[in-house]
Amino acid sequence: MLFTALRYYWITAKGYRLRPWASPYVRWRLETFFGGDMHALGPGQFFSLMWRERARSGKFLAWLGERWQVQDENRS
């Protein structure tokens, strides 16, 4: 799951890898996943949210890993 998390982060935070809270795509994804306005999210609030929602994020990453595995199998 760690590899899945790093792969997803690397893809979604392109251009903002050292400050993911500023990424328009990451903010949009957080808004669709959690609701609310994420444009004013700072670094402390971002990491607090990620820590608080780590169980839900883990379930999402497990699902994402399954989807990528199916895609890889279909390519072969």
N, C-alpha and C. Protein backbone atom coordinates (compact mmCIF):
# COMPACT_ATOMS: atom_id res chain seq x y z
N MET A 1 0.82 -1.19 0.00
CA MET A 1 0.00 0.00 0.00
C MET A 1 0.87 1.27 0.00
N LEU A 2 2.03 1.19 0.59
CA LEU A 2 2.92 2.35 0.60
C LEU A 2 3.31 2.74 -0.82
N PHE A 3 3.62 1.74 -1.65
CA PHE A 3 3.96 2.02 -3.04
C PHE A 3 2.78 2.67 -3.76
N THR A 4 1.58 2.20 -3.50
CA THR A 4 0.38 2.78 -4.12
C THR A 4 0.22 4.23 -3.70
N ALA A 5 0.43 4.52 -2.41
CA ALA A 5 0.30 5.89 -1.91
C ALA A 5 1.34 6.79 -2.56
N LEU A 6 2.57 6.33 -2.65
CA LEU A 6 3.62 7.14 -3.27
C LEU A 6 3.37 7.36 -4.75
N ARG A 7 2.91 6.32 -5.43
CA ARG A 7 2.61 6.44 -6.86
C ARG A 7 1.47 7.44 -7.09
N TYR A 8 0.41 7.33 -6.29
CA TYR A 8 -0.72 8.25 -6.42
C TYR A 8 -0.28 9.68 -6.13
N TYR A 9 0.50 9.85 -5.07
CA TYR A 9 0.99 11.19 -4.72
C TYR A 9 1.84 11.76 -5.84
N TRP A 10 2.73 10.95 -6.40
CA TRP A 10 3.63 11.41 -7.45
C TRP A 10 2.84 11.88 -8.68
N ILE A 11 1.76 11.18 -9.00
CA ILE A 11 0.94 11.53 -10.16
C ILE A 11 0.11 12.79 -9.87
N THR A 12 -0.55 12.84 -8.72
CA THR A 12 -1.50 13.92 -8.45
C THR A 12 -0.85 15.23 -8.03
N ALA A 13 0.32 15.18 -7.45
CA ALA A 13 0.95 16.41 -6.94
C ALA A 13 1.99 16.97 -7.90
N LYS A 14 1.94 16.57 -9.16
CA LYS A 14 2.92 17.05 -10.14
C LYS A 14 2.96 18.58 -10.15
N GLY A 15 4.14 19.11 -10.01
CA GLY A 15 4.33 20.56 -9.97
C GLY A 15 4.21 21.13 -8.57
N TYR A 16 3.68 20.35 -7.63
CA TYR A 16 3.47 20.81 -6.25
C TYR A 16 3.94 19.75 -5.26
N ARG A 17 4.92 18.96 -5.62
CA ARG A 17 5.30 17.80 -4.81
C ARG A 17 5.83 18.17 -3.43
N LEU A 18 6.43 19.34 -3.29
CA LEU A 18 6.92 19.76 -1.98
C LEU A 18 5.89 20.55 -1.19
N ARG A 19 4.77 20.88 -1.81
CA ARG A 19 3.68 21.59 -1.14
C ARG A 19 2.34 21.17 -1.73
N PRO A 20 1.92 19.95 -1.41
CA PRO A 20 0.69 19.40 -2.01
C PRO A 20 -0.57 20.17 -1.66
N TRP A 21 -0.59 20.88 -0.55
CA TRP A 21 -1.77 21.66 -0.16
C TRP A 21 -2.04 22.79 -1.13
N ALA A 22 -1.06 23.18 -1.95
CA ALA A 22 -1.23 24.26 -2.92
C ALA A 22 -1.64 23.76 -4.31
N SER A 23 -1.64 22.46 -4.50
CA SER A 23 -1.98 21.89 -5.81
C SER A 23 -3.47 22.05 -6.10
N PRO A 24 -3.82 22.65 -7.24
CA PRO A 24 -5.24 22.77 -7.59
C PRO A 24 -5.92 21.41 -7.71
N TYR A 25 -5.22 20.42 -8.26
CA TYR A 25 -5.82 19.10 -8.41
C TYR A 25 -6.05 18.44 -7.05
N VAL A 26 -5.07 18.52 -6.17
CA VAL A 26 -5.22 17.91 -4.84
C VAL A 26 -6.35 18.60 -4.07
N ARG A 27 -6.42 19.92 -4.16
CA ARG A 27 -7.51 20.64 -3.48
C ARG A 27 -8.86 20.23 -4.05
N TRP A 28 -8.96 20.11 -5.37
CA TRP A 28 -10.21 19.68 -5.99
C TRP A 28 -10.58 18.28 -5.54
N ARG A 29 -9.59 17.39 -5.49
CA ARG A 29 -9.85 16.01 -5.08
C ARG A 29 -10.31 15.98 -3.62
N LEU A 30 -9.70 16.76 -2.76
CA LEU A 30 -10.12 16.83 -1.36
C LEU A 30 -11.53 17.39 -1.22
N GLU A 31 -11.86 18.38 -2.03
CA GLU A 31 -13.21 18.94 -1.99
C GLU A 31 -14.25 17.92 -2.41
N THR A 32 -13.95 17.13 -3.43
CA THR A 32 -14.92 16.12 -3.88
C THR A 32 -14.99 14.96 -2.90
N PHE A 33 -13.92 14.65 -2.21
CA PHE A 33 -13.89 13.52 -1.28
C PHE A 33 -14.47 13.89 0.08
N PHE A 34 -14.10 15.06 0.61
CA PHE A 34 -14.52 15.46 1.95
C PHE A 34 -15.59 16.53 1.96
N GLY A 35 -15.76 17.23 0.85
CA GLY A 35 -16.70 18.34 0.82
C GLY A 35 -16.07 19.58 1.42
N GLY A 36 -16.74 20.69 1.28
CA GLY A 36 -16.22 21.93 1.86
C GLY A 36 -15.25 22.64 0.96
N ASP A 37 -14.77 23.78 1.42
CA ASP A 37 -13.84 24.61 0.66
C ASP A 37 -12.41 24.32 1.11
N MET A 38 -11.59 23.87 0.20
CA MET A 38 -10.21 23.53 0.52
C MET A 38 -9.21 24.55 0.00
N HIS A 39 -9.69 25.68 -0.55
CA HIS A 39 -8.78 26.68 -1.11
C HIS A 39 -7.97 27.40 -0.04
N ALA A 40 -8.50 27.49 1.16
CA ALA A 40 -7.79 28.19 2.24
C ALA A 40 -6.98 27.23 3.10
N LEU A 41 -6.82 26.01 2.66
CA LEU A 41 -6.11 25.00 3.44
C LEU A 41 -4.61 25.27 3.44
N GLY A 42 -4.04 25.43 4.63
CA GLY A 42 -2.61 25.64 4.76
C GLY A 42 -1.91 24.33 5.07
N PRO A 43 -0.59 24.35 5.21
CA PRO A 43 0.15 23.11 5.44
C PRO A 43 -0.26 22.39 6.73
N GLY A 44 -0.43 23.12 7.81
CA GLY A 44 -0.82 22.48 9.07
C GLY A 44 -2.19 21.84 8.99
N GLN A 45 -3.13 22.55 8.39
CA GLN A 45 -4.48 22.03 8.25
C GLN A 45 -4.50 20.83 7.29
N PHE A 46 -3.69 20.89 6.23
CA PHE A 46 -3.61 19.80 5.27
C PHE A 46 -3.13 18.52 5.94
N PHE A 47 -2.02 18.60 6.67
CA PHE A 47 -1.47 17.40 7.31
C PHE A 47 -2.36 16.93 8.45
N SER A 48 -3.03 17.84 9.13
CA SER A 48 -3.99 17.45 10.16
C SER A 48 -5.15 16.68 9.56
N LEU A 49 -5.66 17.16 8.43
CA LEU A 49 -6.74 16.47 7.73
C LEU A 49 -6.29 15.10 7.25
N MET A 50 -5.11 15.02 6.68
CA MET A 50 -4.60 13.73 6.20
C MET A 50 -4.42 12.74 7.35
N TRP A 51 -3.94 13.21 8.48
CA TRP A 51 -3.75 12.33 9.63
C TRP A 51 -5.10 11.87 10.19
N ARG A 52 -6.03 12.80 10.32
CA ARG A 52 -7.35 12.49 10.88
C ARG A 52 -8.12 11.52 9.98
N GLU A 53 -7.95 11.63 8.69
CA GLU A 53 -8.69 10.81 7.73
C GLU A 53 -7.85 9.67 7.15
N ARG A 54 -6.82 9.25 7.86
CA ARG A 54 -5.92 8.23 7.33
C ARG A 54 -6.61 6.89 7.09
N ALA A 55 -7.62 6.54 7.89
CA ALA A 55 -8.33 5.28 7.67
C ALA A 55 -9.10 5.32 6.36
N ARG A 56 -9.83 6.41 6.11
CA ARG A 56 -10.56 6.54 4.85
C ARG A 56 -9.61 6.62 3.67
N SER A 57 -8.50 7.31 3.85
CA SER A 57 -7.51 7.40 2.78
C SER A 57 -6.92 6.03 2.49
N GLY A 58 -6.72 5.24 3.53
CA GLY A 58 -6.21 3.88 3.35
C GLY A 58 -7.16 3.02 2.54
N LYS A 59 -8.45 3.15 2.80
CA LYS A 59 -9.44 2.40 2.02
C LYS A 59 -9.43 2.84 0.57
N PHE A 60 -9.30 4.15 0.35
CA PHE A 60 -9.23 4.66 -1.01
C PHE A 60 -7.99 4.12 -1.72
N LEU A 61 -6.85 4.12 -1.03
CA LEU A 61 -5.62 3.62 -1.65
C LEU A 61 -5.69 2.13 -1.94
N ALA A 62 -6.36 1.36 -1.08
CA ALA A 62 -6.55 -0.06 -1.35
C ALA A 62 -7.38 -0.25 -2.61
N TRP A 63 -8.46 0.51 -2.72
CA TRP A 63 -9.30 0.44 -3.92
C TRP A 63 -8.51 0.85 -5.16
N LEU A 64 -7.72 1.92 -5.04
CA LEU A 64 -6.93 2.40 -6.15
C LEU A 64 -5.91 1.35 -6.59
N GLY A 65 -5.28 0.70 -5.65
CA GLY A 65 -4.33 -0.37 -5.97
C GLY A 65 -4.99 -1.50 -6.73
N GLU A 66 -6.21 -1.86 -6.34
CA GLU A 66 -6.95 -2.90 -7.06
C GLU A 66 -7.24 -2.46 -8.49
N ARG A 67 -7.67 -1.21 -8.67
CA ARG A 67 -7.97 -0.70 -10.01
C ARG A 67 -6.73 -0.72 -10.89
N TRP A 68 -5.59 -0.28 -10.36
CA TRP A 68 -4.36 -0.28 -11.14
C TRP A 68 -3.94 -1.70 -11.49
N GLN A 69 -4.16 -2.64 -10.57
CA GLN A 69 -3.81 -4.03 -10.84
C GLN A 69 -4.66 -4.58 -11.98
N VAL A 70 -5.95 -4.28 -11.97
CA VAL A 70 -6.83 -4.72 -13.04
C VAL A 70 -6.41 -4.10 -14.37
N GLN A 71 -6.06 -2.81 -14.35
CA GLN A 71 -5.60 -2.16 -15.58
C GLN A 71 -4.34 -2.82 -16.12
N ASP A 72 -3.41 -3.14 -15.23
CA ASP A 72 -2.17 -3.79 -15.65
C ASP A 72 -2.45 -5.16 -16.24
N GLU A 73 -3.39 -5.91 -15.65
CA GLU A 73 -3.74 -7.23 -16.16
C GLU A 73 -4.39 -7.13 -17.53
N ASN A 74 -5.20 -6.10 -17.74
CA ASN A 74 -5.87 -5.93 -19.03
C ASN A 74 -4.92 -5.51 -20.14
N ARG A 75 -3.81 -4.90 -19.78
CA ARG A 75 -2.81 -4.51 -20.79
C ARG A 75 -2.03 -5.69 -21.29
N SER A 76 -1.91 -6.72 -20.46
CA SER A 76 -1.09 -7.88 -20.83
C SER A 76 -1.81 -8.83 -21.74
